[in-house]
N, C-alpha and C. Protein backbone atom coordinates (compact mmCIF):
# COMPACT_ATOMS: atom_id res chain seq x y z
N MET A 1 0.79 -0.76 0.05
CA MET A 1 0.17 0.29 -0.04
C MET A 1 0.72 1.28 0.41
N GLU A 2 0.76 1.89 -0.28
CA GLU A 2 1.44 3.50 -0.34
C GLU A 2 1.35 4.13 1.08
N PRO A 3 2.25 4.65 1.34
CA PRO A 3 2.91 4.98 2.89
C PRO A 3 1.86 6.46 2.97
N LEU A 4 1.53 7.27 2.48
CA LEU A 4 0.09 8.11 2.04
C LEU A 4 -1.20 7.60 2.50
N ARG A 5 -1.19 6.57 1.95
CA ARG A 5 -2.84 6.06 2.28
C ARG A 5 -2.90 5.68 3.86
N GLU A 6 -1.73 4.45 3.50
CA GLU A 6 -1.57 3.94 5.08
C GLU A 6 -1.61 4.73 5.71
N LEU A 7 -1.33 5.94 5.93
CA LEU A 7 -0.66 6.77 7.01
C LEU A 7 -2.38 7.88 7.45
N GLY A 8 -3.20 7.84 6.14
CA GLY A 8 -4.48 8.25 5.81
C GLY A 8 -5.14 7.54 7.15
N ARG A 9 -4.95 6.72 6.70
CA ARG A 9 -6.31 4.77 7.02
C ARG A 9 -5.47 5.05 8.67
N MET A 10 -4.60 5.30 9.33
CA MET A 10 -4.60 5.55 10.78
C MET A 10 -4.79 6.30 11.13
N MET A 11 -4.63 7.52 10.57
CA MET A 11 -5.43 8.97 11.15
C MET A 11 -7.07 9.01 11.55
N VAL A 12 -7.05 8.42 10.49
CA VAL A 12 -8.62 7.82 10.62
C VAL A 12 -9.05 7.39 11.99
N PHE A 13 -8.69 5.95 11.97
CA PHE A 13 -9.08 4.98 13.14
C PHE A 13 -8.61 5.79 14.43
N ALA A 14 -7.06 6.47 14.49
CA ALA A 14 -6.95 7.27 15.68
C ALA A 14 -7.87 7.59 16.28
N GLY A 15 -8.63 8.74 14.68
CA GLY A 15 -9.37 10.31 15.42
C GLY A 15 -11.02 9.74 15.44
N ALA A 16 -11.45 8.19 15.30
CA ALA A 16 -12.53 7.59 15.11
C ALA A 16 -12.65 7.09 16.98
N ALA A 17 -11.09 6.19 17.66
CA ALA A 17 -11.32 5.60 18.90
C ALA A 17 -10.52 7.15 19.58
N LEU A 18 -10.10 8.40 19.42
CA LEU A 18 -10.85 9.14 20.03
C LEU A 18 -11.91 9.97 20.48
N ALA A 19 -12.58 9.57 19.47
CA ALA A 19 -13.92 10.41 19.84
C ALA A 19 -15.00 9.11 20.58
N ALA A 20 -14.55 8.10 20.42
CA ALA A 20 -15.21 7.25 21.55
C ALA A 20 -14.89 7.27 22.53
N VAL A 21 -13.47 7.26 22.90
CA VAL A 21 -13.32 7.99 24.25
C VAL A 21 -13.68 9.08 24.80
N GLY A 22 -13.66 9.83 23.89
CA GLY A 22 -14.30 11.08 24.71
C GLY A 22 -15.85 11.40 24.82
N ALA A 23 -16.29 10.45 24.09
CA ALA A 23 -18.19 10.12 24.35
C ALA A 23 -18.02 9.14 25.67
N LEU A 24 -17.23 8.45 26.18
CA LEU A 24 -16.80 7.20 27.14
C LEU A 24 -16.78 8.66 27.99
N VAL A 25 -15.80 9.41 28.65
CA VAL A 25 -15.75 10.44 29.35
C VAL A 25 -16.85 11.39 29.38
N TRP A 26 -17.20 11.59 28.21
CA TRP A 26 -18.60 12.97 28.70
C TRP A 26 -19.88 12.01 29.13
N LEU A 27 -19.62 10.65 28.98
CA LEU A 27 -20.88 10.36 29.97
C LEU A 27 -20.83 9.42 30.52
N ALA A 28 -19.75 9.37 31.15
CA ALA A 28 -19.11 9.07 33.16
C ALA A 28 -19.05 9.85 33.46
N ALA A 29 -19.51 11.56 32.82
CA ALA A 29 -19.25 12.83 33.87
C ALA A 29 -20.38 12.87 34.13
N ARG A 30 -21.44 12.63 32.83
CA ARG A 30 -22.73 13.57 32.84
C ARG A 30 -23.32 12.18 34.53
N ARG A 31 -22.82 10.82 34.42
CA ARG A 31 -23.62 9.87 35.77
C ARG A 31 -22.44 10.21 37.33
N GLY A 32 -21.95 10.91 36.85
CA GLY A 32 -21.17 10.95 37.99
C GLY A 32 -19.61 10.44 38.06
N GLY A 33 -18.86 10.19 36.87
CA GLY A 33 -17.62 10.32 37.27
C GLY A 33 -17.44 8.71 36.86
N PHE A 34 -16.09 8.43 36.68
CA PHE A 34 -15.40 6.52 36.61
C PHE A 34 -15.37 6.55 37.84
N PRO A 35 -15.21 5.14 38.29
CA PRO A 35 -15.19 4.62 39.40
C PRO A 35 -13.82 4.82 40.33
N LEU A 36 -13.09 4.70 39.22
CA LEU A 36 -10.92 5.06 38.92
C LEU A 36 -10.96 6.14 39.14
N ARG A 37 -10.66 7.28 40.23
CA ARG A 37 -10.09 8.45 39.78
C ARG A 37 -8.79 9.06 38.98
N LEU A 38 -8.72 8.76 37.94
CA LEU A 38 -7.91 8.98 36.88
C LEU A 38 -7.38 10.43 37.16
N GLY A 39 -6.12 11.19 37.58
CA GLY A 39 -5.70 12.00 37.53
C GLY A 39 -5.40 12.38 39.54
N ARG A 40 -6.04 11.33 40.05
CA ARG A 40 -6.40 12.04 41.52
C ARG A 40 -5.90 10.84 42.54
N LEU A 41 -4.85 10.20 42.04
CA LEU A 41 -4.82 8.15 42.29
C LEU A 41 -3.08 8.82 43.83
N PRO A 42 -3.17 7.71 44.40
CA PRO A 42 -1.77 8.20 45.48
C PRO A 42 -0.88 8.42 45.09
N GLY A 43 -0.07 9.20 45.00
CA GLY A 43 1.40 9.56 44.98
C GLY A 43 1.49 10.16 43.73
N ASP A 44 0.47 11.19 43.39
CA ASP A 44 0.27 12.17 42.40
C ASP A 44 0.92 13.35 43.00
N ILE A 45 1.76 14.37 42.80
CA ILE A 45 2.11 15.10 43.56
C ILE A 45 1.07 16.69 43.41
N VAL A 46 0.80 17.14 45.04
CA VAL A 46 0.03 18.13 45.12
C VAL A 46 0.91 18.74 45.41
N HIS A 47 1.36 20.64 45.75
CA HIS A 47 1.84 21.47 46.41
C HIS A 47 1.13 22.49 46.29
N GLN A 48 0.22 22.80 47.83
CA GLN A 48 -0.76 24.18 47.68
C GLN A 48 0.26 25.27 48.82
N GLY A 49 0.42 26.51 47.72
CA GLY A 49 0.68 27.39 48.85
C GLY A 49 -0.50 28.44 48.81
N LYS A 50 0.41 29.59 48.91
CA LYS A 50 -0.39 30.68 49.54
C LYS A 50 -1.23 31.25 48.17
N HIS A 51 -0.37 31.35 47.61
CA HIS A 51 -0.95 32.26 46.18
C HIS A 51 -0.88 31.43 44.72
N GLY A 52 -1.10 29.76 44.92
CA GLY A 52 -1.14 28.93 43.79
C GLY A 52 -0.93 27.53 43.77
N SER A 53 -1.42 26.65 43.04
CA SER A 53 -1.19 25.18 43.74
C SER A 53 -0.33 24.58 42.36
N PHE A 54 0.41 23.51 42.34
CA PHE A 54 0.77 23.04 41.40
C PHE A 54 0.24 21.26 41.74
N TYR A 55 0.47 20.64 40.53
CA TYR A 55 -0.20 19.51 40.50
C TYR A 55 0.75 18.66 39.09
N PHE A 56 1.29 17.73 39.26
CA PHE A 56 1.63 16.94 38.56
C PHE A 56 1.38 15.57 38.57
N PRO A 57 0.31 14.89 37.97
CA PRO A 57 -0.23 13.46 37.78
C PRO A 57 1.30 12.87 38.18
N VAL A 58 2.07 12.17 38.61
CA VAL A 58 3.03 11.35 38.08
C VAL A 58 2.45 9.75 38.24
N VAL A 59 1.67 9.22 39.06
CA VAL A 59 1.25 8.17 39.14
C VAL A 59 0.42 7.61 37.95
N THR A 60 -0.77 8.97 37.57
CA THR A 60 -1.62 8.79 36.33
C THR A 60 -0.94 8.51 34.90
N CYS A 61 0.24 9.00 35.04
CA CYS A 61 0.74 9.40 33.92
C CYS A 61 1.69 7.53 32.90
N ILE A 62 2.10 7.05 34.68
CA ILE A 62 3.23 5.86 34.93
C ILE A 62 1.86 4.73 34.36
N LEU A 63 0.21 4.57 34.43
CA LEU A 63 -0.55 3.73 34.96
C LEU A 63 -0.41 4.06 33.76
N LEU A 64 -0.85 5.13 32.71
CA LEU A 64 -1.66 5.42 31.38
C LEU A 64 -0.63 4.98 30.39
N SER A 65 0.43 5.63 30.57
CA SER A 65 1.54 5.09 29.76
C SER A 65 1.93 3.52 29.57
N VAL A 66 1.65 2.83 30.78
CA VAL A 66 1.86 1.19 30.07
C VAL A 66 0.25 0.37 30.17
N ALA A 67 -0.77 1.15 30.07
CA ALA A 67 -2.35 0.83 29.34
C ALA A 67 -1.86 0.78 27.78
N PHE A 68 -1.67 2.22 27.84
CA PHE A 68 -1.20 2.35 26.26
C PHE A 68 -0.06 1.19 25.87
N THR A 69 1.24 1.50 26.27
CA THR A 69 1.79 0.73 25.08
C THR A 69 1.19 -0.61 25.52
N LEU A 70 0.89 -1.21 26.64
CA LEU A 70 0.28 -2.87 26.21
C LEU A 70 -0.49 -2.57 25.10
N ILE A 71 -2.11 -1.75 24.81
CA ILE A 71 -2.81 -1.66 23.42
C ILE A 71 -1.66 -1.37 22.16
N LEU A 72 -0.77 -0.71 22.51
CA LEU A 72 0.34 -0.71 20.98
C LEU A 72 0.40 -2.03 20.54
N ARG A 73 1.01 -2.56 21.83
CA ARG A 73 1.55 -4.15 22.09
C ARG A 73 0.60 -4.73 21.13
N LEU A 74 -0.14 -4.92 21.24
CA LEU A 74 -1.12 -5.72 21.24
C LEU A 74 -1.79 -5.40 19.60
N VAL A 75 -2.29 -4.34 19.35
CA VAL A 75 -2.21 -3.93 17.96
C VAL A 75 -1.07 -4.52 17.08
N GLN A 76 -0.20 -4.26 17.01
CA GLN A 76 1.29 -4.44 16.89
C GLN A 76 0.99 -6.10 16.63
N TRP A 77 1.08 -6.50 17.17
CA TRP A 77 0.66 -8.00 17.58
C TRP A 77 0.13 -8.58 16.78
N LEU A 78 -1.17 -7.76 16.63
CA LEU A 78 -2.70 -8.54 15.50
C LEU A 78 -2.33 -8.44 14.24
N LYS A 79 -1.80 -7.19 13.73
CA LYS A 79 -1.12 -6.63 12.49
C LYS A 79 -0.37 -8.03 11.64
N ARG A 80 0.45 -8.93 12.51
CA ARG A 80 1.79 -9.76 12.27
C ARG A 80 0.92 -10.72 11.31
């Protein structure tokens, strides 16, 4: 297949997957949220000062990285 055609096809599928995830998040927010509070996990860094606050979701980033890695490995394995 042509490289640009393959790239376009992959972008369409990625966009559809992103839209599906967005719809799930939107619907979950209307029903009270997810049971797992991503972004507020134990181990995430929160610092609140007098004039502002700083928040860095370390554990959430690691968890999402592992999940996306497993998904991409599964997709790569299924393409073979």
